[in-house]
Amino acid sequence: MPQKDPCQKQACAIQKCLQANNYIESKCQAVIEELRKCCARYPKGRSLVCSGFEKEENQTLKSPAK
């Protein structure tokens, strides 16, 4: 049986928040930050829902400073 994703709860909370706020991301920053904190607690690849943040971080690191 596959292990439960450790950050699934936070990911679901983001979806609920976004739906409740007409997908205005700025209204869900606190919930998004909770997912970031959860993702930071686990090694890369441990949480499938964190893969988007990992990709975002990689792109930020590769982008030249403005």
N, C-alpha and C. Protein backbone atom coordinates (compact mmCIF):
# COMPACT_ATOMS: atom_id res chain seq x y z
N MET A 1 0.84 -1.19 0.00
CA MET A 1 0.00 0.00 0.00
C MET A 1 0.88 1.25 0.00
N PRO A 2 0.63 2.19 -0.91
CA PRO A 2 1.47 3.39 -0.96
C PRO A 2 1.29 4.25 0.29
N GLN A 3 2.37 4.93 0.65
CA GLN A 3 2.31 5.81 1.81
C GLN A 3 1.52 7.06 1.47
N LYS A 4 0.85 7.59 2.46
CA LYS A 4 0.10 8.82 2.27
C LYS A 4 1.08 9.98 2.10
N ASP A 5 0.75 10.87 1.19
CA ASP A 5 1.59 12.04 0.96
C ASP A 5 1.56 12.92 2.22
N PRO A 6 2.71 13.25 2.77
CA PRO A 6 2.73 13.99 4.03
C PRO A 6 2.20 15.42 3.92
N CYS A 7 2.13 15.96 2.73
CA CYS A 7 1.67 17.34 2.56
C CYS A 7 0.32 17.43 1.84
N GLN A 8 -0.35 16.31 1.72
CA GLN A 8 -1.64 16.28 1.03
C GLN A 8 -2.66 17.19 1.70
N LYS A 9 -2.67 17.19 3.02
CA LYS A 9 -3.64 18.01 3.76
C LYS A 9 -3.49 19.49 3.39
N GLN A 10 -2.25 19.96 3.33
CA GLN A 10 -2.00 21.36 2.99
C GLN A 10 -2.38 21.65 1.54
N ALA A 11 -2.12 20.71 0.66
CA ALA A 11 -2.47 20.89 -0.75
C ALA A 11 -3.99 21.00 -0.91
N CYS A 12 -4.71 20.18 -0.19
CA CYS A 12 -6.17 20.24 -0.24
C CYS A 12 -6.68 21.57 0.33
N ALA A 13 -6.01 22.05 1.36
CA ALA A 13 -6.41 23.33 1.96
C ALA A 13 -6.22 24.47 0.96
N ILE A 14 -5.17 24.40 0.15
CA ILE A 14 -4.95 25.42 -0.88
C ILE A 14 -6.08 25.37 -1.89
N GLN A 15 -6.45 24.20 -2.33
CA GLN A 15 -7.53 24.08 -3.31
C GLN A 15 -8.84 24.65 -2.75
N LYS A 16 -9.14 24.33 -1.51
CA LYS A 16 -10.37 24.85 -0.89
C LYS A 16 -10.32 26.37 -0.80
N CYS A 17 -9.18 26.89 -0.40
CA CYS A 17 -9.02 28.34 -0.27
C CYS A 17 -9.19 29.02 -1.62
N LEU A 18 -8.53 28.49 -2.62
CA LEU A 18 -8.61 29.09 -3.96
C LEU A 18 -10.04 29.06 -4.49
N GLN A 19 -10.72 27.95 -4.30
CA GLN A 19 -12.11 27.85 -4.75
C GLN A 19 -12.99 28.86 -4.03
N ALA A 20 -12.77 29.01 -2.74
CA ALA A 20 -13.59 29.93 -1.94
C ALA A 20 -13.31 31.39 -2.27
N ASN A 21 -12.14 31.65 -2.84
CA ASN A 21 -11.73 33.03 -3.13
C ASN A 21 -11.59 33.31 -4.62
N ASN A 22 -12.36 32.60 -5.42
CA ASN A 22 -12.36 32.80 -6.88
C ASN A 22 -10.96 32.74 -7.48
N TYR A 23 -10.15 31.86 -6.94
CA TYR A 23 -8.80 31.60 -7.45
C TYR A 23 -7.89 32.83 -7.42
N ILE A 24 -8.12 33.68 -6.43
CA ILE A 24 -7.24 34.82 -6.22
C ILE A 24 -6.15 34.37 -5.25
N GLU A 25 -4.99 34.10 -5.82
CA GLU A 25 -3.89 33.49 -5.07
C GLU A 25 -3.47 34.34 -3.87
N SER A 26 -3.52 35.64 -4.00
CA SER A 26 -3.07 36.52 -2.92
C SER A 26 -3.90 36.35 -1.65
N LYS A 27 -5.12 35.87 -1.79
CA LYS A 27 -5.97 35.66 -0.61
C LYS A 27 -5.65 34.35 0.11
N CYS A 28 -4.78 33.56 -0.47
CA CYS A 28 -4.46 32.25 0.11
C CYS A 28 -2.98 32.13 0.48
N GLN A 29 -2.31 33.23 0.63
CA GLN A 29 -0.87 33.18 0.89
C GLN A 29 -0.51 32.42 2.16
N ALA A 30 -1.31 32.57 3.20
CA ALA A 30 -1.01 31.88 4.46
C ALA A 30 -1.09 30.36 4.27
N VAL A 31 -2.07 29.92 3.52
CA VAL A 31 -2.25 28.49 3.28
C VAL A 31 -1.12 27.96 2.38
N ILE A 32 -0.75 28.75 1.40
CA ILE A 32 0.35 28.37 0.51
C ILE A 32 1.65 28.28 1.29
N GLU A 33 1.85 29.20 2.21
CA GLU A 33 3.07 29.17 3.03
C GLU A 33 3.11 27.92 3.90
N GLU A 34 1.96 27.47 4.38
CA GLU A 34 1.92 26.24 5.17
C GLU A 34 2.37 25.04 4.33
N LEU A 35 1.98 25.02 3.07
CA LEU A 35 2.43 23.93 2.19
C LEU A 35 3.94 24.04 1.96
N ARG A 36 4.43 25.24 1.76
CA ARG A 36 5.88 25.42 1.58
C ARG A 36 6.64 24.90 2.80
N LYS A 37 6.13 25.21 3.98
CA LYS A 37 6.78 24.75 5.21
C LYS A 37 6.76 23.23 5.29
N CYS A 38 5.63 22.64 4.92
CA CYS A 38 5.53 21.18 4.93
C CYS A 38 6.54 20.59 3.95
N CYS A 39 6.60 21.15 2.76
CA CYS A 39 7.52 20.63 1.74
C CYS A 39 8.97 20.74 2.20
N ALA A 40 9.28 21.79 2.93
CA ALA A 40 10.65 21.98 3.41
C ALA A 40 11.05 20.92 4.44
N ARG A 41 10.06 20.32 5.09
CA ARG A 41 10.35 19.31 6.11
C ARG A 41 10.70 17.94 5.54
N TYR A 42 10.42 17.74 4.26
CA TYR A 42 10.62 16.41 3.67
C TYR A 42 11.62 16.48 2.52
N PRO A 43 12.38 15.41 2.33
CA PRO A 43 13.35 15.41 1.22
C PRO A 43 12.64 15.46 -0.12
N LYS A 44 13.32 16.01 -1.10
CA LYS A 44 12.75 16.10 -2.45
C LYS A 44 12.31 14.71 -2.91
N GLY A 45 11.15 14.68 -3.52
CA GLY A 45 10.63 13.41 -4.02
C GLY A 45 9.76 12.67 -3.02
N ARG A 46 9.78 13.06 -1.76
CA ARG A 46 8.98 12.38 -0.74
C ARG A 46 7.50 12.72 -0.88
N SER A 47 7.22 13.96 -1.26
CA SER A 47 5.84 14.42 -1.38
C SER A 47 5.55 14.80 -2.82
N LEU A 48 4.61 14.12 -3.42
CA LEU A 48 4.24 14.41 -4.80
C LEU A 48 3.68 15.82 -4.94
N VAL A 49 2.90 16.26 -3.96
CA VAL A 49 2.29 17.59 -4.06
C VAL A 49 3.33 18.71 -3.97
N CYS A 50 4.52 18.39 -3.51
CA CYS A 50 5.57 19.40 -3.40
C CYS A 50 6.37 19.55 -4.70
N SER A 51 6.14 18.69 -5.65
CA SER A 51 6.94 18.72 -6.87
C SER A 51 6.81 20.06 -7.60
N GLY A 52 5.67 20.70 -7.53
CA GLY A 52 5.49 22.00 -8.16
C GLY A 52 6.37 23.06 -7.54
N PHE A 53 6.50 23.04 -6.22
CA PHE A 53 7.37 23.99 -5.54
C PHE A 53 8.83 23.71 -5.86
N GLU A 54 9.18 22.44 -5.97
CA GLU A 54 10.56 22.08 -6.30
C GLU A 54 10.91 22.59 -7.69
N LYS A 55 10.00 22.46 -8.64
CA LYS A 55 10.24 22.96 -10.00
C LYS A 55 10.36 24.48 -9.98
N GLU A 56 9.51 25.12 -9.20
CA GLU A 56 9.52 26.58 -9.09
C GLU A 56 10.86 27.06 -8.54
N GLU A 57 11.36 26.38 -7.51
CA GLU A 57 12.65 26.74 -6.92
C GLU A 57 13.78 26.58 -7.93
N ASN A 58 13.75 25.49 -8.68
CA ASN A 58 14.79 25.25 -9.68
C ASN A 58 14.79 26.33 -10.75
N GLN A 59 13.63 26.75 -11.19
CA GLN A 59 13.54 27.80 -12.20
C GLN A 59 14.04 29.12 -11.65
N THR A 60 13.72 29.40 -10.41
CA THR A 60 14.17 30.64 -9.77
C THR A 60 15.69 30.66 -9.67
N LEU A 61 16.27 29.53 -9.34
CA LEU A 61 17.72 29.44 -9.22
C LEU A 61 18.41 29.59 -10.57
N LYS A 62 17.78 29.11 -11.63
CA LYS A 62 18.38 29.16 -12.96
C LYS A 62 18.19 30.51 -13.63
N SER A 63 17.18 31.27 -13.21
CA SER A 63 16.90 32.57 -13.84
C SER A 63 17.95 33.58 -13.45
N PRO A 64 18.42 34.38 -14.40
CA PRO A 64 19.40 35.41 -14.06
C PRO A 64 18.75 36.51 -13.22
N ALA A 65 19.51 37.09 -12.34
CA ALA A 65 19.01 38.16 -11.48
C ALA A 65 18.72 39.39 -12.33
N LYS A 66 17.65 40.09 -11.97
CA LYS A 66 17.28 41.30 -12.72
C LYS A 66 17.69 42.53 -11.97
